[in-house]
Amino acid sequence: MHHSRGKSKNSKIAAAPKQKISYEKKVDSAVTEYAVRALNWLRKAEFLMSAPKLNLCVEDTGYEIAFAGRSNAGKSSAINALTNQKQLARASKRPGRTQMINFFSLGNPDQRLVDFLIQRKSLQGLVLLMDIRHPLQHFDVMMLEWAYSRKLFVHVLLTKSDKLNRGPASKALQEVKAQLKKMKLDFSIQLFSSLNKQGLEELASVMGGRLNFTLDQAQHFDLSSIPDATADELDTDEFDEDPEASMDLDAEDDVETKPQSEA
């Protein structure tokens, strides 16, 4: 005698229509607005001055964030992408040349970017750039420890993330996060690419908060209006500087004794 059987529980589950699962992080709209407006504000960056020595720098008041990184980490490209100005920061093609401290104002001389790491009262912290393919080199670790010892914030940019596929890039990000945690360094970190504009808003949000940016300073800005960078505009891989040469972070007179990052 044949008995008909209903579908098993497993077969019913298998037959059920599959639903797409989104793994995207839900973003707070208020946070997004602040990030976009902070990015717009950073577009106002203007060259303020260059100084060969500390005693010739702009007055030590207000808020500053320094960009630092090993040779070829993409510092100049990051500043240019962030400010949407192709030639605001220029990469040096002459290794070992005398470094100048370059200051950029953000519509207000008391809110500044500086492309060289110097110890000043106005220094709030630094954006530390690391090539995602070669993170946490000796220079990078030294900068992290130096900033921690002086109670400065650090925001790490894993640059040139476009060089890796999404999976390997995410893996590299998690590995560096784990290393920072192991070092007991509670610093923020993100993926970044000057070529495809990845991470601009996230970086702008971090910098805006540290530079005391408020929404009443902002105006509307269309992110889609930012032109894509070309490979020719990005920092090249031709530098042979030794970023791990001996450095005196506490020197107060000669710029050359400061940590040497790419120009």
C-alpha atoms as a PDB file:
ATOM      1  CA  MET A   1       0.000   0.000   0.000  1.00  0.00           C
ATOM      2  CA  HIS A   2       1.423   3.316  -1.105  1.00  0.00           C
ATOM      3  CA  HIS A   3       1.434   6.173   1.406  1.00  0.00           C
ATOM      4  CA  SER A   4       1.895   9.722   0.149  1.00  0.00           C
ATOM      5  CA  ARG A   5       4.198  11.767   2.278  1.00  0.00           C
ATOM      6  CA  GLY A   6       4.255  15.512   2.689  1.00  0.00           C
ATOM      7  CA  LYS A   7       7.379  17.445   1.918  1.00  0.00           C
ATOM      8  CA  SER A   8      10.009  17.262   4.616  1.00  0.00           C
ATOM      9  CA  LYS A   9      10.982  20.343   6.581  1.00  0.00           C
ATOM     10  CA  ASN A  10      14.309  20.499   4.793  1.00  0.00           C
ATOM     11  CA  SER A  11      12.722  20.321   1.348  1.00  0.00           C
ATOM     12  CA  LYS A  12      10.322  23.124   2.262  1.00  0.00           C
ATOM     13  CA  ILE A  13      13.247  25.280   3.337  1.00  0.00           C
ATOM     14  CA  ALA A  14      15.078  24.486   0.125  1.00  0.00           C
ATOM     15  CA  ALA A  15      12.025  25.395  -1.935  1.00  0.00           C
ATOM     16  CA  ALA A  16      11.524  28.701  -0.185  1.00  0.00           C
ATOM     17  CA  PRO A  17      12.590  31.740  -2.230  1.00  0.00           C
ATOM     18  CA  LYS A  18      16.060  32.888  -1.324  1.00  0.00           C
ATOM     19  CA  GLN A  19      16.431  36.363   0.087  1.00  0.00           C
ATOM     20  CA  LYS A  20      19.456  38.500  -0.521  1.00  0.00           C
ATOM     21  CA  ILE A  21      21.392  39.289   2.604  1.00  0.00           C
ATOM     22  CA  SER A  22      23.009  42.700   2.750  1.00  0.00           C
ATOM     23  CA  TYR A  23      26.302  42.944   4.556  1.00  0.00           C
ATOM     24  CA  GLU A  24      26.582  46.686   4.077  1.00  0.00           C
ATOM     25  CA  LYS A  25      26.936  48.694   7.249  1.00  0.00           C
ATOM     26  CA  LYS A  26      23.976  50.978   7.924  1.00  0.00           C
ATOM     27  CA  VAL A  27      25.199  54.554   7.929  1.00  0.00           C
ATOM     28  CA  ASP A  28      23.791  57.254  10.171  1.00  0.00           C
ATOM     29  CA  SER A  29      22.451  59.985   7.879  1.00  0.00           C
ATOM     30  CA  ALA A  30      23.700  62.684  10.241  1.00  0.00           C
ATOM     31  CA  VAL A  31      27.207  61.197  10.113  1.00  0.00           C
ATOM     32  CA  THR A  32      27.036  61.063   6.312  1.00  0.00           C
ATOM     33  CA  GLU A  33      25.994  64.705   6.088  1.00  0.00           C
ATOM     34  CA  TYR A  34      28.859  65.746   8.339  1.00  0.00           C
ATOM     35  CA  ALA A  35      31.354  63.722   6.259  1.00  0.00           C
ATOM     36  CA  VAL A  36      30.188  65.222   2.942  1.00  0.00           C
ATOM     37  CA  ARG A  37      30.234  68.757   4.316  1.00  0.00           C
ATOM     38  CA  ALA A  38      33.624  68.226   5.913  1.00  0.00           C
ATOM     39  CA  LEU A  39      34.920  67.065   2.538  1.00  0.00           C
ATOM     40  CA  ASN A  40      33.498  70.184   0.923  1.00  0.00           C
ATOM     41  CA  TRP A  41      35.228  72.293   3.558  1.00  0.00           C
ATOM     42  CA  LEU A  42      38.563  70.581   2.907  1.00  0.00           C
ATOM     43  CA  ARG A  43      38.215  71.605  -0.759  1.00  0.00           C
ATOM     44  CA  LYS A  44      38.894  75.150   0.430  1.00  0.00           C
ATOM     45  CA  ALA A  45      42.480  74.274   1.279  1.00  0.00           C
ATOM     46  CA  GLU A  46      44.981  76.879   0.134  1.00  0.00           C
ATOM     47  CA  PHE A  47      48.741  76.999   0.327  1.00  0.00           C
ATOM     48  CA  LEU A  48      49.640  79.132   3.321  1.00  0.00           C
ATOM     49  CA  MET A  49      53.444  79.095   3.566  1.00  0.00           C
ATOM     50  CA  SER A  50      56.616  77.019   3.502  1.00  0.00           C
ATOM     51  CA  ALA A  51      59.289  77.103   6.183  1.00  0.00           C
ATOM     52  CA  PRO A  52      62.758  75.520   6.297  1.00  0.00           C
ATOM     53  CA  LYS A  53      62.955  75.706  10.112  1.00  0.00           C
ATOM     54  CA  LEU A  54      60.582  75.579  13.043  1.00  0.00           C
ATOM     55  CA  ASN A  55      61.220  79.150  14.117  1.00  0.00           C
ATOM     56  CA  LEU A  56      60.000  80.323  10.698  1.00  0.00           C
ATOM     57  CA  CYS A  57      56.711  78.409  10.809  1.00  0.00           C
ATOM     58  CA  VAL A  58      53.255  79.931  11.030  1.00  0.00           C
ATOM     59  CA  GLU A  59      52.212  80.986  14.550  1.00  0.00           C
ATOM     60  CA  ASP A  60      51.592  77.994  16.796  1.00  0.00           C
ATOM     61  CA  THR A  61      47.871  78.550  17.441  1.00  0.00           C
ATOM     62  CA  GLY A  62      44.676  76.823  16.358  1.00  0.00           C
ATOM     63  CA  TYR A  63      44.486  73.251  15.074  1.00  0.00           C
ATOM     64  CA  GLU A  64      46.835  71.275  12.837  1.00  0.00           C
ATOM     65  CA  ILE A  65      46.889  67.766  11.437  1.00  0.00           C
ATOM     66  CA  ALA A  66      50.113  66.423   9.953  1.00  0.00           C
ATOM     67  CA  PHE A  67      50.353  63.939   7.102  1.00  0.00           C
ATOM     68  CA  ALA A  68      53.205  61.476   7.559  1.00  0.00           C
ATOM     69  CA  GLY A  69      54.335  58.332   5.808  1.00  0.00           C
ATOM     70  CA  ARG A  70      57.214  56.421   4.325  1.00  0.00           C
ATOM     71  CA  SER A  71      58.558  57.412   0.942  1.00  0.00           C
ATOM     72  CA  ASN A  72      56.059  56.373  -1.679  1.00  0.00           C
ATOM     73  CA  ALA A  73      53.142  55.745   0.676  1.00  0.00           C
ATOM     74  CA  GLY A  74      51.110  58.236  -1.372  1.00  0.00           C
ATOM     75  CA  LYS A  75      51.069  61.325   0.864  1.00  0.00           C
ATOM     76  CA  SER A  76      51.017  63.933  -1.890  1.00  0.00           C
ATOM     77  CA  SER A  77      48.350  62.029  -3.817  1.00  0.00           C
ATOM     78  CA  ALA A  78      46.183  61.720  -0.703  1.00  0.00           C
ATOM     79  CA  ILE A  79      46.360  65.447   0.058  1.00  0.00           C
ATOM     80  CA  ASN A  80      45.573  66.325  -3.554  1.00  0.00           C
ATOM     81  CA  ALA A  81      42.642  63.889  -3.689  1.00  0.00           C
ATOM     82  CA  LEU A  82      41.267  65.102  -0.374  1.00  0.00           C
ATOM     83  CA  THR A  83      41.435  68.755  -1.416  1.00  0.00           C
ATOM     84  CA  ASN A  84      40.530  68.066  -5.054  1.00  0.00           C
ATOM     85  CA  GLN A  85      43.565  70.034  -6.196  1.00  0.00           C
ATOM     86  CA  LYS A  86      46.030  68.227  -8.432  1.00  0.00           C
ATOM     87  CA  GLN A  87      49.076  70.336  -7.603  1.00  0.00           C
ATOM     88  CA  LEU A  88      48.464  71.481  -4.023  1.00  0.00           C
ATOM     89  CA  ALA A  89      51.031  68.992  -2.715  1.00  0.00           C
ATOM     90  CA  ARG A  90      53.815  67.926  -5.033  1.00  0.00           C
ATOM     91  CA  ALA A  91      55.814  64.714  -4.830  1.00  0.00           C
ATOM     92  CA  SER A  92      59.557  65.144  -4.830  1.00  0.00           C
ATOM     93  CA  LYS A  93      61.510  63.293  -7.470  1.00  0.00           C
ATOM     94  CA  ARG A  94      64.821  64.263  -5.845  1.00  0.00           C
ATOM     95  CA  PRO A  95      65.481  61.958  -2.868  1.00  0.00           C
ATOM     96  CA  GLY A  96      67.419  63.512  -0.031  1.00  0.00           C
ATOM     97  CA  ARG A  97      66.606  67.113  -0.892  1.00  0.00           C
ATOM     98  CA  THR A  98      66.158  69.647   1.907  1.00  0.00           C
ATOM     99  CA  GLN A  99      62.641  69.351   3.288  1.00  0.00           C
ATOM    100  CA  MET A 100      60.328  72.320   3.606  1.00  0.00           C
ATOM    101  CA  ILE A 101      57.429  72.399   6.053  1.00  0.00           C
ATOM    102  CA  ASN A 102      54.347  73.243   3.974  1.00  0.00           C
ATOM    103  CA  PHE A 103      51.220  74.631   5.621  1.00  0.00           C
ATOM    104  CA  PHE A 104      47.756  74.691   4.044  1.00  0.00           C
ATOM    105  CA  SER A 105      44.899  76.726   5.493  1.00  0.00           C
ATOM    106  CA  LEU A 106      41.266  75.605   5.335  1.00  0.00           C
ATOM    107  CA  GLY A 107      39.427  78.878   4.888  1.00  0.00           C
ATOM    108  CA  ASN A 108      40.768  79.844   8.286  1.00  0.00           C
ATOM    109  CA  PRO A 109      44.474  80.194   9.163  1.00  0.00           C
ATOM    110  CA  ASP A 110      43.765  78.555  12.535  1.00  0.00           C
ATOM    111  CA  GLN A 111      42.666  75.306  10.863  1.00  0.00           C
ATOM    112  CA  ARG A 112      45.547  73.807   8.927  1.00  0.00           C
ATOM    113  CA  LEU A 113      47.078  70.789   7.239  1.00  0.00           C
ATOM    114  CA  VAL A 114      50.834  70.346   7.315  1.00  0.00           C
ATOM    115  CA  ASP A 115      52.780  67.905   5.173  1.00  0.00           C
ATOM    116  CA  PHE A 116      55.602  67.380   7.628  1.00  0.00           C
ATOM    117  CA  LEU A 117      55.560  66.001  11.153  1.00  0.00           C
ATOM    118  CA  ILE A 118      56.648  68.631  13.674  1.00  0.00           C
ATOM    119  CA  GLN A 119      56.007  68.856  17.394  1.00  0.00           C
ATOM    120  CA  ARG A 120      53.841  71.921  18.074  1.00  0.00           C
ATOM    121  CA  LYS A 121      51.132  72.825  20.581  1.00  0.00           C
ATOM    122  CA  SER A 122      48.610  73.167  17.757  1.00  0.00           C
ATOM    123  CA  LEU A 123      49.306  69.636  16.472  1.00  0.00           C
ATOM    124  CA  GLN A 124      46.217  67.532  17.163  1.00  0.00           C
ATOM    125  CA  GLY A 125      47.555  64.347  15.650  1.00  0.00           C
ATOM    126  CA  LEU A 126      48.526  62.780  12.375  1.00  0.00           C
ATOM    127  CA  VAL A 127      47.260  60.892   9.387  1.00  0.00           C
ATOM    128  CA  LEU A 128      49.756  58.073   8.946  1.00  0.00           C
ATOM    129  CA  LEU A 129      49.867  56.640   5.443  1.00  0.00           C
ATOM    130  CA  MET A 130      50.978  53.052   4.788  1.00  0.00           C
ATOM    131  CA  ASP A 131      51.064  51.272   1.453  1.00  0.00           C
ATOM    132  CA  ILE A 132      48.503  48.493   1.951  1.00  0.00           C
ATOM    133  CA  ARG A 133      50.966  46.014   0.424  1.00  0.00           C
ATOM    134  CA  HIS A 134      53.688  46.890   2.955  1.00  0.00           C
ATOM    135  CA  PRO A 135      52.062  48.067   6.222  1.00  0.00           C
ATOM    136  CA  LEU A 136      53.617  48.468   9.669  1.00  0.00           C
ATOM    137  CA  GLN A 137      57.207  48.882   8.602  1.00  0.00           C
ATOM    138  CA  HIS A 138      59.769  50.097  11.156  1.00  0.00           C
ATOM    139  CA  PHE A 139      59.078  53.756  10.340  1.00  0.00           C
ATOM    140  CA  ASP A 140      55.316  53.248  10.789  1.00  0.00           C
ATOM    141  CA  VAL A 141      55.700  51.566  14.178  1.00  0.00           C
ATOM    142  CA  MET A 142      58.037  54.329  15.299  1.00  0.00           C
ATOM    143  CA  MET A 143      55.473  56.976  14.339  1.00  0.00           C
ATOM    144  CA  LEU A 144      52.681  55.128  16.144  1.00  0.00           C
ATOM    145  CA  GLU A 145      54.706  54.845  19.334  1.00  0.00           C
ATOM    146  CA  TRP A 146      55.865  58.461  19.088  1.00  0.00           C
ATOM    147  CA  ALA A 147      52.281  59.732  18.747  1.00  0.00           C
ATOM    148  CA  TYR A 148      51.045  57.503  21.570  1.00  0.00           C
ATOM    149  CA  SER A 149      53.771  58.757  23.908  1.00  0.00           C
ATOM    150  CA  ARG A 150      52.626  62.329  23.246  1.00  0.00           C
ATOM    151  CA  LYS A 151      48.912  61.534  23.555  1.00  0.00           C
ATOM    152  CA  LEU A 152      48.234  62.443  19.920  1.00  0.00           C
ATOM    153  CA  PHE A 153      45.588  60.744  17.830  1.00  0.00           C
ATOM    154  CA  VAL A 154      46.555  58.742  14.741  1.00  0.00           C
ATOM    155  CA  HIS A 155      44.338  57.878  11.813  1.00  0.00           C
ATOM    156  CA  VAL A 156      45.935  55.200   9.649  1.00  0.00           C
ATOM    157  CA  LEU A 157      45.361  55.207   5.893  1.00  0.00           C
ATOM    158  CA  LEU A 158      46.083  51.955   4.096  1.00  0.00           C
ATOM    159  CA  THR A 159      46.764  53.609   0.760  1.00  0.00           C
ATOM    160  CA  LYS A 160      46.704  52.223  -2.774  1.00  0.00           C
ATOM    161  CA  SER A 161      43.915  49.824  -1.858  1.00  0.00           C
ATOM    162  CA  ASP A 162      43.019  49.730  -5.552  1.00  0.00           C
ATOM    163  CA  LYS A 163      46.143  47.602  -6.025  1.00  0.00           C
ATOM    164  CA  LEU A 164      44.372  44.695  -4.283  1.00  0.00           C
ATOM    165  CA  ASN A 165      41.050  42.989  -4.884  1.00  0.00           C
ATOM    166  CA  ARG A 166      38.315  43.557  -2.333  1.00  0.00           C
ATOM    167  CA  GLY A 167      38.937  40.345  -0.399  1.00  0.00           C
ATOM    168  CA  PRO A 168      42.701  40.745   0.065  1.00  0.00           C
ATOM    169  CA  ALA A 169      42.256  44.448   0.869  1.00  0.00           C
ATOM    170  CA  SER A 170      39.724  43.676   3.606  1.00  0.00           C
ATOM    171  CA  LYS A 171      42.006  40.958   4.952  1.00  0.00           C
ATOM    172  CA  ALA A 172      44.932  43.394   5.103  1.00  0.00           C
ATOM    173  CA  LEU A 173      42.758  45.900   6.950  1.00  0.00           C
ATOM    174  CA  GLN A 174      41.744  43.330   9.558  1.00  0.00           C
ATOM    175  CA  GLU A 175      45.328  42.155  10.010  1.00  0.00           C
ATOM    176  CA  VAL A 176      46.599  45.676  10.683  1.00  0.00           C
ATOM    177  CA  LYS A 177      43.692  46.283  13.073  1.00  0.00           C
ATOM    178  CA  ALA A 178      44.670  43.138  14.957  1.00  0.00           C
ATOM    179  CA  GLN A 179      48.287  44.258  15.149  1.00  0.00           C
ATOM    180  CA  LEU A 180      47.300  47.673  16.501  1.00  0.00           C
ATOM    181  CA  LYS A 181      45.135  45.979  19.125  1.00  0.00           C
ATOM    182  CA  LYS A 182      48.028  43.701  20.045  1.00  0.00           C
ATOM    183  CA  MET A 183      50.194  46.809  20.476  1.00  0.00           C
ATOM    184  CA  LYS A 184      47.417  48.301  22.652  1.00  0.00           C
ATOM    185  CA  LEU A 185      47.056  51.261  20.311  1.00  0.00           C
ATOM    186  CA  ASP A 186      43.483  52.467  20.002  1.00  0.00           C
ATOM    187  CA  PHE A 187      43.929  54.279  16.696  1.00  0.00           C
ATOM    188  CA  SER A 188      41.450  54.467  13.824  1.00  0.00           C
ATOM    189  CA  ILE A 189      42.209  52.925  10.428  1.00  0.00           C
ATOM    190  CA  GLN A 190      40.665  52.726   6.971  1.00  0.00           C
ATOM    191  CA  LEU A 191      41.240  51.701   3.366  1.00  0.00           C
ATOM    192  CA  PHE A 192      42.087  54.516   0.974  1.00  0.00           C
ATOM    193  CA  SER A 193      42.725  54.987  -2.736  1.00  0.00           C
ATOM    194  CA  SER A 194      43.559  58.286  -4.397  1.00  0.00           C
ATOM    195  CA  LEU A 195      42.975  56.671  -7.786  1.00  0.00           C
ATOM    196  CA  ASN A 196      39.320  55.697  -7.313  1.00  0.00           C
ATOM    197  CA  LYS A 197      38.479  58.132  -4.480  1.00  0.00           C
ATOM    198  CA  GLN A 198      37.817  55.353  -1.982  1.00  0.00           C
ATOM    199  CA  GLY A 199      37.637  56.559   1.610  1.00  0.00           C
ATOM    200  CA  LEU A 200      37.505  60.327   1.032  1.00  0.00           C
ATOM    201  CA  GLU A 201      34.381  60.938   3.089  1.00  0.00           C
ATOM    202  CA  GLU A 202      35.560  58.753   5.959  1.00  0.00           C
ATOM    203  CA  LEU A 203      38.884  60.571   6.084  1.00  0.00           C
ATOM    204  CA  ALA A 204      37.166  63.968   5.845  1.00  0.00           C
ATOM    205  CA  SER A 205      34.896  63.108   8.763  1.00  0.00           C
ATOM    206  CA  VAL A 206      37.842  62.141  10.973  1.00  0.00           C
ATOM    207  CA  MET A 207      39.811  65.238  10.070  1.00  0.00           C
ATOM    208  CA  GLY A 208      36.833  67.547  10.451  1.00  0.00           C
ATOM    209  CA  GLY A 209      36.270  66.373  13.996  1.00  0.00           C
ATOM    210  CA  ARG A 210      39.927  66.815  14.956  1.00  0.00           C
ATOM    211  CA  LEU A 211      40.200  70.237  13.329  1.00  0.00           C
ATOM    212  CA  ASN A 212      37.099  71.545  15.096  1.00  0.00           C
ATOM    213  CA  PHE A 213      35.037  71.797  11.901  1.00  0.00           C
ATOM    214  CA  THR A 214      31.363  72.634  12.434  1.00  0.00           C
ATOM    215  CA  LEU A 215      28.461  72.387  10.002  1.00  0.00           C
ATOM    216  CA  ASP A 216      27.930  76.141   9.988  1.00  0.00           C
ATOM    217  CA  GLN A 217      31.257  76.395   8.124  1.00  0.00           C
ATOM    218  CA  ALA A 218      29.983  74.149   5.353  1.00  0.00           C
ATOM    219  CA  GLN A 219      28.260  74.677   2.047  1.00  0.00           C
ATOM    220  CA  HIS A 220      26.680  72.171  -0.309  1.00  0.00           C
ATOM    221  CA  PHE A 221      29.120  70.051  -2.297  1.00  0.00           C
ATOM    222  CA  ASP A 222      28.459  67.416  -4.939  1.00  0.00           C
ATOM    223  CA  LEU A 223      30.841  64.482  -4.436  1.00  0.00           C
ATOM    224  CA  SER A 224      30.204  63.293  -7.999  1.00  0.00           C
ATOM    225  CA  SER A 225      31.828  66.468  -9.304  1.00  0.00           C
ATOM    226  CA  ILE A 226      35.268  65.300  -8.150  1.00  0.00           C
ATOM    227  CA  PRO A 227      37.256  64.208 -11.224  1.00  0.00           C
ATOM    228  CA  ASP A 228      38.943  60.822 -11.132  1.00  0.00           C
ATOM    229  CA  ALA A 229      42.682  60.882 -10.600  1.00  0.00           C
ATOM    230  CA  THR A 230      44.867  59.452 -13.305  1.00  0.00           C
ATOM    231  CA  ALA A 231      47.839  57.186 -12.785  1.00  0.00           C
ATOM    232  CA  ASP A 232      50.141  59.974 -13.983  1.00  0.00           C
ATOM    233  CA  GLU A 233      48.951  62.249 -11.183  1.00  0.00           C
ATOM    234  CA  LEU A 234      49.681  59.743  -8.444  1.00  0.00           C
ATOM    235  CA  ASP A 235      52.944  59.279  -6.597  1.00  0.00           C
ATOM    236  CA  THR A 236      55.265  56.981  -8.506  1.00  0.00           C
ATOM    237  CA  ASP A 237      57.307  54.069  -7.189  1.00  0.00           C
ATOM    238  CA  GLU A 238      60.687  55.473  -8.144  1.00  0.00           C
ATOM    239  CA  PHE A 239      61.906  56.855  -4.838  1.00  0.00           C
ATOM    240  CA  ASP A 240      64.912  55.243  -3.182  1.00  0.00           C
ATOM    241  CA  GLU A 241      64.968  57.227   0.026  1.00  0.00           C
ATOM    242  CA  ASP A 242      65.710  55.349   3.211  1.00  0.00           C
ATOM    243  CA  PRO A 243      62.796  56.297   5.501  1.00  0.00           C
ATOM    244  CA  GLU A 244      64.390  54.442   8.396  1.00  0.00           C
ATOM    245  CA  ALA A 245      67.411  56.697   8.726  1.00  0.00           C
ATOM    246  CA  SER A 246      68.129  57.943  12.246  1.00  0.00           C
ATOM    247  CA  MET A 247      65.777  60.711  13.347  1.00  0.00           C
ATOM    248  CA  ASP A 248      65.569  63.028  16.335  1.00  0.00           C
ATOM    249  CA  LEU A 249      61.901  63.706  16.998  1.00  0.00           C
ATOM    250  CA  ASP A 250      62.650  66.171  19.756  1.00  0.00           C
ATOM    251  CA  ALA A 251      64.978  68.476  17.833  1.00  0.00           C
ATOM    252  CA  GLU A 252      63.739  72.050  17.764  1.00  0.00           C
ATOM    253  CA  ASP A 253      65.903  73.831  15.226  1.00  0.00           C
ATOM    254  CA  ASP A 254      66.646  71.981  12.022  1.00  0.00           C
ATOM    255  CA  VAL A 255      63.803  70.466  10.012  1.00  0.00           C
ATOM    256  CA  GLU A 256      66.094  67.746   8.701  1.00  0.00           C
ATOM    257  CA  THR A 257      66.190  66.100  12.140  1.00  0.00           C
ATOM    258  CA  LYS A 258      62.444  65.448  12.014  1.00  0.00           C
ATOM    259  CA  PRO A 259      60.894  62.179  10.767  1.00  0.00           C
ATOM    260  CA  GLN A 260      61.461  62.026   7.039  1.00  0.00           C
ATOM    261  CA  SER A 261      58.246  61.314   5.163  1.00  0.00           C
ATOM    262  CA  GLU A 262      57.722  61.533   1.448  1.00  0.00           C
ATOM    263  CA  ALA A 263      57.566  65.031   0.011  1.00  0.00           C
END
